Amino acid sequence: MINGVHHISLATSNLEAFLHFYCDLLGAKQRKRGMSELKPGENLPLETIVGMKNIEGRAGGLTLANMNIEVFCYSHPKPKAGERRPACDVGIRHIAFDVTDIFGEYERLKAAGVDFISPPQKLEAGCASCYMYDPDGNIVEMQEIFPGSVVAPAPGLAAQ
């Protein structure tokens, strides 16, 4: 039986830029263990799970509101660079965060150099939404759900 979502996992090639975006700009907090070193042959269960041998790099966890984010920064095997793909491409296409004051958050993040696809757009469903890119080309959505919206709030969060 599935109990719920525990975490999402993101891989990055630039840990400093990743942490700046998710921690400094979006407000995520590093979990107590911080970032752990991944050394070849020292974590055979993890190598089996991810299907790669002799992995090297760093891994750790963040929390952001009601979400856990697992982050991997591999130095071996060498990762392919992230690419910006359109929202129509197959696969997991974005992470969505509920926010308060989407227009203020947009202005704050835009001033910090975050690359947005568009400014926030008000939708007939009673919410506003916009997409931005993280440093690795992943699409991140911000949405604000207004009172009376037909859009359900995130599980565990009260409607605003």
C-alpha atoms as a PDB file:
ATOM      1  CA  MET A   1       0.000   0.000   0.000  1.00  0.00           C
ATOM      2  CA  ILE A   2       1.357   3.409  -0.938  1.00  0.00           C
ATOM      3  CA  ASN A   3       1.288   5.860   1.973  1.00  0.00           C
ATOM      4  CA  GLY A   4       2.196   9.006   0.029  1.00  0.00           C
ATOM      5  CA  VAL A   5       5.063  10.798  -1.687  1.00  0.00           C
ATOM      6  CA  HIS A   6       8.262  10.785   0.371  1.00  0.00           C
ATOM      7  CA  HIS A   7      10.687  12.701  -1.851  1.00  0.00           C
ATOM      8  CA  ILE A   8      11.726  13.734  -5.290  1.00  0.00           C
ATOM      9  CA  SER A   9      15.305  13.233  -6.418  1.00  0.00           C
ATOM     10  CA  LEU A  10      17.254  15.645  -8.587  1.00  0.00           C
ATOM     11  CA  ALA A  11      20.750  15.282  -9.965  1.00  0.00           C
ATOM     12  CA  THR A  12      22.915  18.307 -10.600  1.00  0.00           C
ATOM     13  CA  SER A  13      26.314  18.959 -12.111  1.00  0.00           C
ATOM     14  CA  ASN A  14      26.785  22.173 -10.112  1.00  0.00           C
ATOM     15  CA  LEU A  15      25.986  21.655  -6.434  1.00  0.00           C
ATOM     16  CA  GLU A  16      26.671  25.266  -5.459  1.00  0.00           C
ATOM     17  CA  ALA A  17      24.239  26.674  -8.061  1.00  0.00           C
ATOM     18  CA  PHE A  18      21.664  24.023  -7.123  1.00  0.00           C
ATOM     19  CA  LEU A  19      21.857  24.847  -3.403  1.00  0.00           C
ATOM     20  CA  HIS A  20      21.733  28.587  -4.121  1.00  0.00           C
ATOM     21  CA  PHE A  21      18.542  28.165  -6.161  1.00  0.00           C
ATOM     22  CA  TYR A  22      16.703  25.742  -3.873  1.00  0.00           C
ATOM     23  CA  CYS A  23      17.999  26.964  -0.479  1.00  0.00           C
ATOM     24  CA  ASP A  24      18.843  30.652  -0.835  1.00  0.00           C
ATOM     25  CA  LEU A  25      16.130  31.606  -3.338  1.00  0.00           C
ATOM     26  CA  LEU A  26      13.301  29.135  -2.654  1.00  0.00           C
ATOM     27  CA  GLY A  27      13.892  28.572   1.072  1.00  0.00           C
ATOM     28  CA  ALA A  28      14.747  24.860   1.278  1.00  0.00           C
ATOM     29  CA  LYS A  29      16.745  23.711   4.304  1.00  0.00           C
ATOM     30  CA  GLN A  30      19.506  21.109   4.264  1.00  0.00           C
ATOM     31  CA  ARG A  31      18.705  18.105   6.428  1.00  0.00           C
ATOM     32  CA  LYS A  32      20.855  17.401   9.481  1.00  0.00           C
ATOM     33  CA  ARG A  33      23.341  15.092   7.774  1.00  0.00           C
ATOM     34  CA  GLY A  34      24.204  17.725   5.180  1.00  0.00           C
ATOM     35  CA  MET A  35      25.947  16.501   2.047  1.00  0.00           C
ATOM     36  CA  SER A  36      27.656  13.097   2.206  1.00  0.00           C
ATOM     37  CA  GLU A  37      30.588  12.001   0.103  1.00  0.00           C
ATOM     38  CA  LEU A  38      29.976   9.152  -2.329  1.00  0.00           C
ATOM     39  CA  LYS A  39      33.155   7.095  -2.681  1.00  0.00           C
ATOM     40  CA  PRO A  40      33.770   4.233  -5.129  1.00  0.00           C
ATOM     41  CA  GLY A  41      32.942   0.825  -3.689  1.00  0.00           C
ATOM     42  CA  GLU A  42      31.931   2.180  -0.275  1.00  0.00           C
ATOM     43  CA  ASN A  43      28.180   2.027  -0.817  1.00  0.00           C
ATOM     44  CA  LEU A  44      27.404  -1.147  -2.720  1.00  0.00           C
ATOM     45  CA  PRO A  45      23.657  -1.109  -1.904  1.00  0.00           C
ATOM     46  CA  LEU A  46      23.354   2.403  -3.401  1.00  0.00           C
ATOM     47  CA  GLU A  47      25.412   1.371  -6.443  1.00  0.00           C
ATOM     48  CA  THR A  48      23.017  -1.563  -6.902  1.00  0.00           C
ATOM     49  CA  ILE A  49      19.921   0.650  -6.510  1.00  0.00           C
ATOM     50  CA  VAL A  50      21.094   3.286  -9.029  1.00  0.00           C
ATOM     51  CA  GLY A  51      22.619   0.696 -11.387  1.00  0.00           C
ATOM     52  CA  MET A  52      26.079   2.280 -11.563  1.00  0.00           C
ATOM     53  CA  LYS A  53      29.421   1.017 -10.260  1.00  0.00           C
ATOM     54  CA  ASN A  54      32.195   3.014  -8.585  1.00  0.00           C
ATOM     55  CA  ILE A  55      30.038   6.098  -8.065  1.00  0.00           C
ATOM     56  CA  GLU A  56      31.687   9.253  -6.781  1.00  0.00           C
ATOM     57  CA  GLY A  57      30.242  12.599  -5.786  1.00  0.00           C
ATOM     58  CA  ARG A  58      28.040  14.051  -3.094  1.00  0.00           C
ATOM     59  CA  ALA A  59      24.485  13.390  -1.989  1.00  0.00           C
ATOM     60  CA  GLY A  60      22.154  14.871   0.576  1.00  0.00           C
ATOM     61  CA  GLY A  61      18.675  15.966   1.366  1.00  0.00           C
ATOM     62  CA  LEU A  62      16.664  19.149   1.582  1.00  0.00           C
ATOM     63  CA  THR A  63      13.240  19.930   2.950  1.00  0.00           C
ATOM     64  CA  LEU A  64      10.998  22.573   1.443  1.00  0.00           C
ATOM     65  CA  ALA A  65       7.628  23.023   3.152  1.00  0.00           C
ATOM     66  CA  ASN A  66       5.882  19.621   2.842  1.00  0.00           C
ATOM     67  CA  MET A  67       8.420  18.139   0.371  1.00  0.00           C
ATOM     68  CA  ASN A  68      11.686  16.258   0.733  1.00  0.00           C
ATOM     69  CA  ILE A  69      14.227  16.762  -2.049  1.00  0.00           C
ATOM     70  CA  GLU A  70      17.095  14.329  -2.488  1.00  0.00           C
ATOM     71  CA  VAL A  71      20.063  15.737  -4.401  1.00  0.00           C
ATOM     72  CA  PHE A  72      22.920  13.919  -6.121  1.00  0.00           C
ATOM     73  CA  CYS A  73      25.977  15.535  -7.658  1.00  0.00           C
ATOM     74  CA  TYR A  74      27.954  12.782  -9.364  1.00  0.00           C
ATOM     75  CA  SER A  75      31.562  13.272 -10.408  1.00  0.00           C
ATOM     76  CA  HIS A  76      31.782   9.628 -11.621  1.00  0.00           C
ATOM     77  CA  PRO A  77      30.288   8.490 -13.832  1.00  0.00           C
ATOM     78  CA  LYS A  78      30.396  11.881 -15.473  1.00  0.00           C
ATOM     79  CA  PRO A  79      26.816  13.152 -15.919  1.00  0.00           C
ATOM     80  CA  LYS A  80      25.435  14.551 -19.146  1.00  0.00           C
ATOM     81  CA  ALA A  81      24.631  18.247 -18.914  1.00  0.00           C
ATOM     82  CA  GLY A  82      21.046  19.147 -18.103  1.00  0.00           C
ATOM     83  CA  GLU A  83      19.066  20.514 -20.980  1.00  0.00           C
ATOM     84  CA  ARG A  84      16.029  22.703 -21.123  1.00  0.00           C
ATOM     85  CA  ARG A  85      13.236  20.702 -22.635  1.00  0.00           C
ATOM     86  CA  PRO A  86       9.750  21.980 -23.352  1.00  0.00           C
ATOM     87  CA  ALA A  87       6.828  21.058 -21.113  1.00  0.00           C
ATOM     88  CA  CYS A  88       5.403  18.800 -23.864  1.00  0.00           C
ATOM     89  CA  ASP A  89       8.338  16.345 -23.814  1.00  0.00           C
ATOM     90  CA  VAL A  90       7.698  12.940 -22.272  1.00  0.00           C
ATOM     91  CA  GLY A  91       8.773  12.371 -18.672  1.00  0.00           C
ATOM     92  CA  ILE A  92       8.460  14.184 -15.405  1.00  0.00           C
ATOM     93  CA  ARG A  93       8.229  17.754 -16.644  1.00  0.00           C
ATOM     94  CA  HIS A  94       8.027  20.005 -13.610  1.00  0.00           C
ATOM     95  CA  ILE A  95       7.914  20.403  -9.855  1.00  0.00           C
ATOM     96  CA  ALA A  96       5.092  22.639  -8.602  1.00  0.00           C
ATOM     97  CA  PHE A  97       5.256  24.700  -5.424  1.00  0.00           C
ATOM     98  CA  ASP A  98       2.264  26.414  -3.831  1.00  0.00           C
ATOM     99  CA  VAL A  99       3.147  29.992  -2.911  1.00  0.00           C
ATOM    100  CA  THR A 100       1.586  33.020  -1.333  1.00  0.00           C
ATOM    101  CA  ASP A 101       1.885  36.280  -3.301  1.00  0.00           C
ATOM    102  CA  ILE A 102       2.979  34.757  -6.606  1.00  0.00           C
ATOM    103  CA  PHE A 103       3.415  38.185  -8.202  1.00  0.00           C
ATOM    104  CA  GLY A 104       5.762  39.335  -5.408  1.00  0.00           C
ATOM    105  CA  GLU A 105       7.686  36.049  -5.534  1.00  0.00           C
ATOM    106  CA  TYR A 106       8.020  36.392  -9.307  1.00  0.00           C
ATOM    107  CA  GLU A 107       9.483  39.905  -8.964  1.00  0.00           C
ATOM    108  CA  ARG A 108      11.872  38.819  -6.171  1.00  0.00           C
ATOM    109  CA  LEU A 109      13.154  35.794  -8.080  1.00  0.00           C
ATOM    110  CA  LYS A 110      13.335  37.654 -11.414  1.00  0.00           C
ATOM    111  CA  ALA A 111      15.476  40.325  -9.715  1.00  0.00           C
ATOM    112  CA  ALA A 112      17.746  37.521  -8.435  1.00  0.00           C
ATOM    113  CA  GLY A 113      18.342  36.365 -12.024  1.00  0.00           C
ATOM    114  CA  VAL A 114      15.968  33.382 -12.195  1.00  0.00           C
ATOM    115  CA  ASP A 115      14.973  32.579 -15.786  1.00  0.00           C
ATOM    116  CA  PHE A 116      11.191  32.459 -16.188  1.00  0.00           C
ATOM    117  CA  ILE A 117       9.230  31.186 -19.175  1.00  0.00           C
ATOM    118  CA  SER A 118       6.556  33.821 -18.462  1.00  0.00           C
ATOM    119  CA  PRO A 119       5.255  36.078 -15.717  1.00  0.00           C
ATOM    120  CA  PRO A 120       2.444  34.636 -13.554  1.00  0.00           C
ATOM    121  CA  GLN A 121      -0.801  34.095 -15.433  1.00  0.00           C
ATOM    122  CA  LYS A 122      -4.233  34.124 -13.791  1.00  0.00           C
ATOM    123  CA  LEU A 123      -6.268  31.057 -14.756  1.00  0.00           C
ATOM    124  CA  GLU A 124     -10.032  30.630 -14.852  1.00  0.00           C
ATOM    125  CA  ALA A 125      -9.701  27.825 -12.294  1.00  0.00           C
ATOM    126  CA  GLY A 126      -9.036  30.441  -9.597  1.00  0.00           C
ATOM    127  CA  CYS A 127      -5.278  30.299  -9.392  1.00  0.00           C
ATOM    128  CA  ALA A 128      -2.197  31.881 -10.917  1.00  0.00           C
ATOM    129  CA  SER A 129       0.820  30.017 -12.253  1.00  0.00           C
ATOM    130  CA  CYS A 130       4.193  30.482 -13.917  1.00  0.00           C
ATOM    131  CA  TYR A 131       7.159  28.311 -14.926  1.00  0.00           C
ATOM    132  CA  MET A 132      10.853  28.963 -14.335  1.00  0.00           C
ATOM    133  CA  TYR A 133      14.049  26.979 -14.858  1.00  0.00           C
ATOM    134  CA  ASP A 134      16.362  25.727 -12.127  1.00  0.00           C
ATOM    135  CA  PRO A 135      20.143  25.775 -12.801  1.00  0.00           C
ATOM    136  CA  ASP A 136      19.992  22.333 -14.444  1.00  0.00           C
ATOM    137  CA  GLY A 137      17.147  23.137 -16.849  1.00  0.00           C
ATOM    138  CA  ASN A 138      14.360  21.526 -14.822  1.00  0.00           C
ATOM    139  CA  ILE A 139      11.033  23.324 -14.987  1.00  0.00           C
ATOM    140  CA  VAL A 140       9.792  24.598 -11.619  1.00  0.00           C
ATOM    141  CA  GLU A 141       6.245  25.906 -11.311  1.00  0.00           C
ATOM    142  CA  MET A 142       4.954  28.394  -8.789  1.00  0.00           C
ATOM    143  CA  GLN A 143       1.212  28.490  -8.259  1.00  0.00           C
ATOM    144  CA  GLU A 144      -1.023  30.470  -5.976  1.00  0.00           C
ATOM    145  CA  ILE A 145      -4.469  29.085  -5.276  1.00  0.00           C
ATOM    146  CA  PHE A 146      -7.018  31.808  -4.566  1.00  0.00           C
ATOM    147  CA  PRO A 147     -10.081  31.422  -2.303  1.00  0.00           C
ATOM    148  CA  GLY A 148     -12.918  29.675  -4.123  1.00  0.00           C
ATOM    149  CA  SER A 149     -10.576  27.966  -6.611  1.00  0.00           C
ATOM    150  CA  VAL A 150     -11.506  24.595  -8.068  1.00  0.00           C
ATOM    151  CA  VAL A 151      -7.827  23.592  -7.733  1.00  0.00           C
ATOM    152  CA  ALA A 152      -7.241  21.453  -4.648  1.00  0.00           C
ATOM    153  CA  PRO A 153      -4.477  22.545  -2.260  1.00  0.00           C
ATOM    154  CA  ALA A 154      -1.474  20.293  -1.792  1.00  0.00           C
ATOM    155  CA  PRO A 155      -2.225  17.415   0.619  1.00  0.00           C
ATOM    156  CA  GLY A 156      -1.613  18.573   4.166  1.00  0.00           C
ATOM    157  CA  LEU A 157      -1.913  22.251   3.256  1.00  0.00           C
ATOM    158  CA  ALA A 158      -5.055  24.254   3.946  1.00  0.00           C
ATOM    159  CA  ALA A 159      -6.614  26.238   1.129  1.00  0.00           C
ATOM    160  CA  GLN A 160      -5.373  29.820   1.248  1.00  0.00           C
END
